[in-house]
């Protein structure tokens, strides 16, 4: 914990819990763009002792953060189902 955090009593933000889907970890991370949120997620999987990461970003947008999180999760699951490990190629 940093000195400033100790002085002002603020704790660091908690890392979001991943959503598991077929041995993949999905972290919905919509991107705020003006008044809307772009669908985006980080997809991870342990492959041969190494963490593989794919940053998924779509053109689709949603008006609320909750809608964007749900849509990001759905698009990530769809990509995993269609591409599997080749998502990291």
Protein backbone atom coordinates (compact mmCIF):
# COMPACT_ATOMS: atom_id res chain seq x y z
CA UNK A 1 0.00 0.00 0.00
CA UNK A 2 1.43 3.42 -0.91
CA UNK A 3 2.08 6.20 1.55
CA UNK A 4 -0.69 8.36 0.06
CA UNK A 5 -3.19 5.52 0.33
CA UNK A 6 -2.28 5.09 3.98
CA UNK A 7 -2.65 8.82 4.63
CA UNK A 8 -6.00 9.19 2.91
CA UNK A 9 -7.42 5.78 3.84
CA UNK A 10 -8.09 4.68 0.27
CA UNK A 11 -7.53 1.08 -0.62
CA UNK A 12 -6.57 0.07 -4.15
CA UNK A 13 -9.45 -1.06 -6.37
CA UNK A 14 -10.15 -4.78 -6.36
CA UNK A 15 -9.29 -6.66 -9.51
CA UNK A 16 -12.42 -7.97 -11.23
CA UNK A 17 -13.10 -11.68 -10.98
CA UNK A 18 -12.90 -13.46 -14.34
CA UNK A 19 -15.81 -15.34 -15.84
CA UNK A 20 -14.76 -18.89 -16.71
CA UNK A 21 -15.80 -20.46 -20.02
CA UNK A 22 -14.22 -23.69 -21.38
CA UNK A 23 -10.90 -23.22 -19.53
CA UNK A 24 -10.71 -19.59 -20.69
CA UNK A 25 -10.90 -16.58 -18.38
CA UNK A 26 -12.99 -13.65 -19.61
CA UNK A 27 -12.61 -10.15 -18.20
CA UNK A 28 -15.31 -7.88 -19.70
CA UNK A 29 -13.70 -4.44 -20.23
CA UNK A 30 -16.08 -2.16 -22.17
CA UNK A 31 -14.46 1.02 -23.44
CA UNK A 32 -16.25 4.30 -22.73
CA UNK A 33 -16.53 6.39 -25.87
CA UNK A 34 -18.50 9.56 -25.30
CA UNK A 35 -22.02 8.61 -24.18
CA UNK A 36 -21.72 4.92 -25.17
CA UNK A 37 -19.57 1.88 -24.34
CA UNK A 38 -17.72 -0.17 -26.97
CA UNK A 39 -17.86 -3.94 -26.50
CA UNK A 40 -14.45 -5.23 -25.36
CA UNK A 41 -13.00 -8.00 -23.22
CA UNK A 42 -9.67 -9.58 -22.29
CA UNK A 43 -9.58 -13.34 -22.85
CA UNK A 44 -6.89 -15.44 -21.15
CA UNK A 45 -5.92 -19.10 -21.03
CA UNK A 46 -3.00 -21.02 -19.59
CA UNK A 47 -1.30 -22.88 -22.46
CA UNK A 48 1.86 -24.88 -21.81
CA UNK A 49 2.64 -23.03 -18.61
CA UNK A 50 2.25 -19.64 -20.29
CA UNK A 51 -0.68 -17.22 -20.01
CA UNK A 52 -1.99 -16.43 -23.49
CA UNK A 53 -3.98 -13.19 -23.81
CA UNK A 54 -6.31 -11.90 -26.52
CA UNK A 55 -7.81 -8.41 -26.45
CA UNK A 56 -11.28 -8.57 -28.02
CA UNK A 57 -12.69 -5.26 -29.30
CA UNK A 58 -15.83 -4.98 -31.40
CA UNK A 59 -17.44 -2.13 -33.31
CA UNK A 60 -20.72 -2.65 -31.43
CA UNK A 61 -21.67 -0.18 -28.72
CA UNK A 62 -24.23 -0.13 -25.90
CA UNK A 63 -25.79 2.77 -24.02
CA UNK A 64 -25.14 1.51 -20.50
CA UNK A 65 -22.14 -0.09 -18.82
CA UNK A 66 -24.21 -3.08 -17.63
CA UNK A 67 -25.46 -3.76 -21.16
CA UNK A 68 -21.91 -3.43 -22.52
CA UNK A 69 -20.53 -5.86 -19.91
CA UNK A 70 -23.17 -8.46 -20.81
CA UNK A 71 -22.62 -7.99 -24.55
CA UNK A 72 -18.82 -8.16 -24.11
CA UNK A 73 -19.18 -11.42 -22.21
CA UNK A 74 -21.45 -12.84 -24.91
CA UNK A 75 -19.09 -11.85 -27.74
CA UNK A 76 -16.10 -13.32 -25.89
CA UNK A 77 -17.93 -16.63 -25.34
CA UNK A 78 -18.91 -16.68 -29.01
CA UNK A 79 -15.29 -16.11 -30.08
CA UNK A 80 -14.10 -18.89 -27.75
CA UNK A 81 -16.76 -21.30 -29.06
CA UNK A 82 -15.93 -20.54 -32.69
CA UNK A 83 -12.13 -20.18 -32.54
CA UNK A 84 -10.94 -22.02 -29.43
CA UNK A 85 -7.17 -21.84 -28.94
CA UNK A 86 -6.67 -20.31 -32.40
CA UNK A 87 -7.95 -17.10 -30.80
CA UNK A 88 -4.34 -16.58 -29.72
CA UNK A 89 -2.79 -17.10 -33.19
